[in-house]
Amino acid sequence: VTRPAGYLFMLLRIILCSAIAVWFTGIAMGQEQLPDLEQLPPVVDYELFEPAAFESIEEPVQRFRKGFFQRLEFTGSWIQATNDNDLSIGHAQTSVAVAVPLGSLENILAVSPSFRVEFANADEPTDLPNQLYETGVRLFWKKSLNERWGLIGLASPMVRSDFNTSHNATRFTGAALASWFWIPEKLELNFGVVYLDRNDIPILPGIGLRWTPSPVWDWNLTFPRPRVAYRLAKDGSRSEIWAFMSGGLGGNTWAVRRASGDPDELSIRDYRIMLGIEEVLHGGAGSFVEIGYVFGRSLEYENTDEKFDYGDAVMIQAGVKF
């Protein structure tokens, strides 16, 4: 027998033996019929290749550490005036955050002391100090009551002044918010109040929603600091890179001593629209940089009712966390 004929003969033997085995198996099982092939489950589960399946199995990046020390952070910014006789102002800030368990690891108080200095430059004579300071501690608490409800509390006793007077230099900011998950892990509604302890804007509503339709989108539309972020890249549970657009209120109120020697209170206000990019590392470390447009800028003194308005400006801000 030639080699091709031998292969063909062997193949026929295999087919015949398989048919006989199936026939005898059917007799032994009570001559049950083989199931319809269309009713068999597919060998490949095509649902695993749907985007939702990938979203459910991807590893999240933890934005906190499991320990006392949380992070060391440095930030800085500069707002450059675009007109002559205008106001340019920047800041440098450092802070450290630690976590204190309140009875259990499920109930954590974040404590973050900080120090910040503002560098101001105004060509127009406004009696503005070249440097303004802020130092204090930020206390942040968040607790889940159940699958639907959660609470957020923020308290920040601060000293804000030019360090030449202590009159009305102590300030207290805080926030109290409740959150309700309309759709668990997808849509969260927030409502409450934000107390700024500023002379120009003392209190604001804290209201809005946070919508995460997929792991690559984060729509945090909570006033007064809305932010929309899109994830550009992800390296497992080690890091993520996000692009974002945000808005917010800038400025603050400081206690100052005027050139006449009298104490006063200075308020600077602006509104901001920012575009940026952020890298988030496992444990909460990372860095960010953003640029933006600043408008509605003003400076006013409390005791003398002096007010100065300024033109629009551009801003750059960056920070790093360890």
Protein backbone atom coordinates (compact mmCIF):
# COMPACT_ATOMS: atom_id res chain seq x y z
CA VAL A 1 0.00 0.00 0.00
CA THR A 2 1.36 3.38 -0.94
CA ARG A 3 1.89 5.96 1.80
CA PRO A 4 -1.13 8.22 0.85
CA ALA A 5 -3.41 5.20 0.65
CA GLY A 6 -2.13 4.03 4.03
CA TYR A 7 -2.97 7.42 5.62
CA LEU A 8 -6.47 7.30 4.11
CA PHE A 9 -7.04 3.75 5.38
CA MET A 10 -5.92 4.77 8.89
CA LEU A 11 -8.28 7.77 8.88
CA LEU A 12 -11.24 5.59 7.87
CA ARG A 13 -10.45 3.18 10.71
CA ILE A 14 -10.46 6.04 13.25
CA ILE A 15 -13.81 7.34 11.97
CA LEU A 16 -15.36 3.87 12.03
CA CYS A 17 -14.15 3.09 15.54
CA SER A 18 -15.42 6.47 16.80
CA ALA A 19 -18.87 5.83 15.26
CA ILE A 20 -19.10 2.38 16.86
CA ALA A 21 -18.07 3.82 20.25
CA VAL A 22 -20.70 6.54 20.06
CA TRP A 23 -23.38 4.04 19.04
CA PHE A 24 -22.61 1.70 21.96
CA THR A 25 -22.48 4.66 24.35
CA GLY A 26 -25.92 5.74 23.22
CA ILE A 27 -27.27 2.22 23.85
CA ALA A 28 -25.70 2.13 27.32
CA MET A 29 -27.29 5.48 28.20
CA GLY A 30 -30.75 4.33 27.22
CA GLN A 31 -30.35 5.42 23.61
CA GLU A 32 -30.53 9.10 24.61
CA GLN A 33 -30.24 11.55 21.72
CA LEU A 34 -27.22 13.80 21.50
CA PRO A 35 -28.09 17.43 22.31
CA ASP A 36 -28.68 19.96 19.59
CA LEU A 37 -25.42 21.76 18.80
CA GLU A 38 -27.21 25.12 18.84
CA GLN A 39 -28.16 24.52 22.47
CA LEU A 40 -24.60 23.87 23.61
CA PRO A 41 -22.85 26.70 25.42
CA PRO A 42 -20.24 28.41 23.25
CA VAL A 43 -16.64 27.38 23.75
CA VAL A 44 -15.65 31.05 23.95
CA ASP A 45 -17.64 33.39 26.21
CA TYR A 46 -17.83 36.45 24.02
CA GLU A 47 -19.17 38.56 26.92
CA LEU A 48 -15.65 38.55 28.32
CA PHE A 49 -14.64 40.73 25.41
CA GLU A 50 -17.28 43.39 26.10
CA PRO A 51 -15.94 46.69 27.58
CA ALA A 52 -18.09 46.26 30.68
CA ALA A 53 -16.36 42.98 31.44
CA PHE A 54 -12.92 44.58 31.25
CA GLU A 55 -14.14 47.42 33.50
CA SER A 56 -15.30 44.98 36.15
CA ILE A 57 -12.02 43.04 36.36
CA GLU A 58 -9.46 45.85 36.07
CA GLU A 59 -7.40 46.61 39.16
CA PRO A 60 -8.02 50.01 40.77
CA VAL A 61 -5.18 52.28 41.89
CA GLN A 62 -5.38 52.82 45.64
CA ARG A 63 -5.29 56.56 46.42
CA PHE A 64 -4.34 56.11 50.06
CA ARG A 65 -1.82 54.19 52.13
CA LYS A 66 -2.66 51.57 54.72
CA GLY A 67 -0.82 53.22 57.56
CA PHE A 68 -0.30 56.36 59.61
CA PHE A 69 1.67 58.37 57.04
CA GLN A 70 -0.31 59.26 53.92
CA ARG A 71 1.59 61.81 51.86
CA LEU A 72 3.91 64.82 51.69
CA GLU A 73 2.78 67.42 49.16
CA PHE A 74 4.26 70.54 47.54
CA THR A 75 2.29 72.87 45.25
CA GLY A 76 2.97 76.19 43.58
CA SER A 77 1.26 78.56 41.15
CA TRP A 78 1.60 81.88 39.38
CA ILE A 79 -1.12 84.17 37.98
CA GLN A 80 0.38 86.53 35.43
CA ALA A 81 -1.41 89.80 34.74
CA THR A 82 -1.92 90.65 31.07
CA ASN A 83 -2.32 94.42 31.57
CA ASP A 84 -0.12 97.16 32.98
CA ASN A 85 -0.79 98.40 36.52
CA ASP A 86 -2.40 95.05 37.28
CA LEU A 87 -2.09 92.32 39.91
CA SER A 88 0.19 89.29 39.61
CA ILE A 89 0.10 86.76 42.41
CA GLY A 90 1.44 83.28 43.12
CA HIS A 91 1.76 80.82 45.95
CA ALA A 92 3.95 78.08 47.41
CA GLN A 93 2.51 75.51 49.81
CA THR A 94 3.65 72.43 51.66
CA SER A 95 1.52 69.98 53.63
CA VAL A 96 1.72 66.54 55.20
CA ALA A 97 -1.19 64.15 55.74
CA VAL A 98 -1.59 61.36 58.28
CA ALA A 99 -4.48 58.97 59.01
CA VAL A 100 -5.84 58.44 62.52
CA PRO A 101 -8.27 55.52 63.10
CA LEU A 102 -11.35 56.46 65.10
CA GLY A 103 -12.02 53.13 66.76
CA SER A 104 -11.50 51.04 63.63
CA LEU A 105 -9.81 51.08 60.22
CA GLU A 106 -13.21 51.65 58.62
CA ASN A 107 -13.54 55.04 60.35
CA ILE A 108 -10.51 57.23 59.56
CA LEU A 109 -9.75 60.87 60.32
CA ALA A 110 -7.25 62.47 57.92
CA VAL A 111 -5.12 65.19 59.58
CA SER A 112 -3.15 67.53 57.31
CA PRO A 113 -1.14 70.49 58.70
CA SER A 114 0.01 72.96 56.06
CA PHE A 115 1.89 76.19 55.45
CA ARG A 116 1.23 78.51 52.51
CA VAL A 117 2.65 81.83 51.37
CA GLU A 118 1.23 84.14 48.70
CA PHE A 119 3.55 86.38 46.67
CA ALA A 120 1.74 89.49 45.42
CA ASN A 121 2.84 92.18 43.01
CA ALA A 122 0.61 95.12 42.05
CA ASP A 123 1.92 98.13 40.14
CA GLU A 124 -1.04 100.23 41.18
CA PRO A 125 -0.62 101.59 44.75
CA THR A 126 -3.07 99.43 46.73
CA ASP A 127 -1.12 99.15 50.00
CA LEU A 128 -0.87 95.42 49.25
CA PRO A 129 1.68 93.38 51.29
CA ASN A 130 4.25 91.56 49.20
CA GLN A 131 3.65 88.36 51.15
CA LEU A 132 0.56 86.86 52.78
CA TYR A 133 0.61 83.72 54.93
CA GLU A 134 -1.71 80.88 55.87
CA THR A 135 -0.97 78.11 58.34
CA GLY A 136 -3.20 75.63 60.10
CA VAL A 137 -4.51 72.09 60.00
CA ARG A 138 -7.13 70.38 57.85
CA LEU A 139 -9.30 67.64 59.37
CA PHE A 140 -11.14 65.41 56.88
CA TRP A 141 -13.59 62.66 57.78
CA LYS A 142 -15.62 60.39 55.49
CA LYS A 143 -17.87 57.54 56.53
CA SER A 144 -20.16 55.15 54.66
CA LEU A 145 -23.40 54.57 56.58
CA ASN A 146 -24.62 51.83 54.23
CA GLU A 147 -24.56 50.96 50.54
CA ARG A 148 -26.50 54.12 49.66
CA TRP A 149 -25.61 56.84 52.17
CA GLY A 150 -22.37 58.46 53.26
CA LEU A 151 -21.18 61.50 55.20
CA ILE A 152 -18.28 63.89 54.60
CA GLY A 153 -16.96 66.36 57.18
CA LEU A 154 -14.19 68.93 56.81
CA ALA A 155 -12.85 71.36 59.43
CA SER A 156 -9.85 73.69 59.02
CA PRO A 157 -8.79 76.11 61.78
CA MET A 158 -6.34 78.55 60.17
CA VAL A 159 -4.31 81.68 60.76
CA ARG A 160 -4.27 83.95 57.71
CA SER A 161 -2.41 87.26 57.87
CA ASP A 162 0.65 89.18 56.76
CA PHE A 163 2.25 88.20 60.12
CA ASN A 164 2.28 91.89 61.10
CA THR A 165 -1.04 91.75 62.94
CA SER A 166 -3.10 89.16 64.77
CA HIS A 167 -6.36 91.13 64.68
CA ASN A 168 -9.04 88.87 63.11
CA ALA A 169 -6.29 86.59 61.80
CA THR A 170 -7.89 83.36 63.00
CA ARG A 171 -10.24 81.79 60.46
CA PHE A 172 -12.26 78.59 60.42
CA THR A 173 -13.37 76.86 57.24
CA GLY A 174 -15.40 73.70 56.98
CA ALA A 175 -17.87 71.62 55.03
CA ALA A 176 -20.65 69.20 55.84
CA LEU A 177 -21.92 67.03 52.99
CA ALA A 178 -24.17 64.03 52.63
CA SER A 179 -23.88 61.68 49.67
CA TRP A 180 -26.50 59.34 48.27
CA PHE A 181 -25.67 56.70 45.68
CA TRP A 182 -28.57 56.79 43.24
CA ILE A 183 -26.80 54.08 41.21
CA PRO A 184 -24.19 52.28 43.36
CA GLU A 185 -20.62 52.88 42.11
CA LYS A 186 -21.97 54.91 39.18
CA LEU A 187 -24.00 57.96 40.20
CA GLU A 188 -23.58 59.81 43.50
CA LEU A 189 -25.60 62.87 44.59
CA ASN A 190 -24.01 65.34 47.06
CA PHE A 191 -25.64 68.10 49.06
CA GLY A 192 -24.61 70.25 52.01
CA VAL A 193 -22.82 73.51 52.84
CA VAL A 194 -19.27 74.82 52.50
CA TYR A 195 -18.19 77.50 54.98
CA LEU A 196 -15.29 79.62 53.69
CA ASP A 197 -15.07 82.27 56.44
CA ARG A 198 -14.23 84.95 53.86
CA ASN A 199 -15.46 88.52 54.05
CA ASP A 200 -16.49 88.60 50.39
CA ILE A 201 -18.03 85.10 50.17
CA PRO A 202 -18.59 83.57 53.64
CA ILE A 203 -20.65 80.49 52.69
CA LEU A 204 -21.59 78.49 49.60
CA PRO A 205 -23.87 75.53 48.90
CA GLY A 206 -22.10 72.24 48.34
CA ILE A 207 -24.38 70.56 45.84
CA GLY A 208 -24.00 68.47 42.73
CA LEU A 209 -23.34 64.97 41.49
CA ARG A 210 -20.52 62.61 40.66
CA TRP A 211 -21.05 60.34 37.68
CA THR A 212 -18.61 57.58 36.70
CA PRO A 213 -20.19 55.87 33.67
CA SER A 214 -16.99 53.89 33.08
CA PRO A 215 -13.53 53.62 34.65
CA VAL A 216 -12.14 56.11 32.12
CA TRP A 217 -14.60 58.95 32.91
CA ASP A 218 -15.11 60.84 36.17
CA TRP A 219 -17.70 63.64 36.08
CA ASN A 220 -17.50 65.33 39.49
CA LEU A 221 -19.99 68.16 39.01
CA THR A 222 -20.16 69.25 42.63
CA PHE A 223 -20.25 73.01 43.27
CA PRO A 224 -18.13 75.00 44.12
CA ARG A 225 -15.28 72.99 42.48
CA PRO A 226 -16.53 70.94 39.53
CA ARG A 227 -14.08 68.70 37.69
CA VAL A 228 -14.35 66.44 34.65
CA ALA A 229 -11.53 63.91 34.14
CA TYR A 230 -10.70 61.38 31.42
CA ARG A 231 -8.20 58.58 31.93
CA LEU A 232 -5.48 58.54 29.29
CA ALA A 233 -3.43 55.55 30.44
CA LYS A 234 -3.33 52.86 33.10
CA ASP A 235 -0.58 50.54 34.32
CA GLY A 236 -2.51 47.92 36.28
CA SER A 237 -2.87 48.90 39.93
CA ARG A 238 0.40 50.86 39.87
CA SER A 239 -0.47 54.13 38.15
CA GLU A 240 -2.97 56.09 36.08
CA ILE A 241 -2.71 59.25 33.97
CA TRP A 242 -5.72 61.57 33.76
CA ALA A 243 -6.54 64.69 31.73
CA PHE A 244 -9.01 67.04 33.38
CA MET A 245 -10.89 70.32 33.17
CA SER A 246 -11.93 72.11 36.34
CA GLY A 247 -13.38 75.35 37.59
CA GLY A 248 -13.33 77.09 40.91
CA LEU A 249 -13.12 80.12 43.14
CA GLY A 250 -9.72 81.60 43.99
CA GLY A 251 -8.45 84.03 46.58
CA ASN A 252 -9.10 84.38 50.31
CA THR A 253 -9.28 86.83 53.23
CA TRP A 254 -6.21 87.81 55.30
CA ALA A 255 -5.63 90.08 58.29
CA VAL A 256 -3.15 92.84 57.34
CA ARG A 257 -1.65 95.98 58.76
CA ARG A 258 -2.00 99.03 56.54
CA ALA A 259 0.77 101.54 55.88
CA SER A 260 -0.97 103.84 58.37
CA GLY A 261 -0.44 101.22 61.10
CA ASP A 262 -4.14 100.34 61.38
CA PRO A 263 -5.25 96.70 61.15
CA ASP A 264 -7.56 95.74 58.32
CA GLU A 265 -8.82 92.70 56.42
CA LEU A 266 -7.89 92.11 52.79
CA SER A 267 -9.93 89.93 50.41
CA ILE A 268 -8.75 88.82 46.98
CA ARG A 269 -11.19 87.05 44.66
CA ASP A 270 -11.05 85.46 41.21
CA TYR A 271 -12.70 82.72 39.16
CA ARG A 272 -10.77 80.03 37.29
CA ILE A 273 -11.13 77.59 34.41
CA MET A 274 -8.26 75.10 34.26
CA LEU A 275 -6.97 72.34 31.98
CA GLY A 276 -4.43 69.87 33.29
CA ILE A 277 -2.91 66.44 33.44
CA GLU A 278 -2.36 64.32 36.54
CA GLU A 279 -0.44 61.15 37.34
CA VAL A 280 -1.78 59.05 40.22
CA LEU A 281 0.52 56.42 41.74
CA HIS A 282 -0.36 53.56 44.06
CA GLY A 283 -0.75 54.84 47.60
CA GLY A 284 -1.74 58.39 46.66
CA ALA A 285 1.57 59.74 45.40
CA GLY A 286 1.81 61.48 42.03
CA SER A 287 2.03 64.86 40.35
CA PHE A 288 0.00 67.31 38.29
CA VAL A 289 0.33 70.41 36.14
CA GLU A 290 -2.43 72.70 34.88
CA ILE A 291 -2.90 75.95 33.02
CA GLY A 292 -5.92 78.16 32.92
CA TYR A 293 -7.80 81.38 32.44
CA VAL A 294 -8.53 83.66 35.43
CA PHE A 295 -11.25 86.31 35.35
CA GLY A 296 -13.49 88.40 37.64
CA ARG A 297 -10.47 89.48 39.67
CA SER A 298 -10.81 91.98 42.52
CA LEU A 299 -9.14 93.19 45.73
CA GLU A 300 -10.93 94.93 48.58
CA TYR A 301 -10.35 96.13 52.14
CA GLU A 302 -12.95 95.59 54.83
CA ASN A 303 -12.59 98.68 57.04
CA THR A 304 -12.10 101.36 54.38
CA ASP A 305 -14.39 99.90 51.67
CA GLU A 306 -11.63 100.32 49.08
CA LYS A 307 -12.03 98.05 46.07
CA PHE A 308 -9.81 97.48 43.03
CA ASP A 309 -10.78 95.51 39.94
CA TYR A 310 -8.25 93.81 37.71
CA GLY A 311 -8.19 92.41 34.21
CA ASP A 312 -8.11 88.80 33.15
CA ALA A 313 -4.96 86.74 33.61
CA VAL A 314 -3.36 83.40 32.79
CA MET A 315 -2.37 80.88 35.42
CA ILE A 316 -0.06 77.90 35.74
CA GLN A 317 -0.07 75.55 38.71
CA ALA A 318 1.79 72.35 39.55
CA GLY A 319 2.28 69.99 42.44
CA VAL A 320 3.90 66.75 43.53
CA LYS A 321 2.94 64.20 46.20
CA PHE A 322 5.22 61.67 47.88
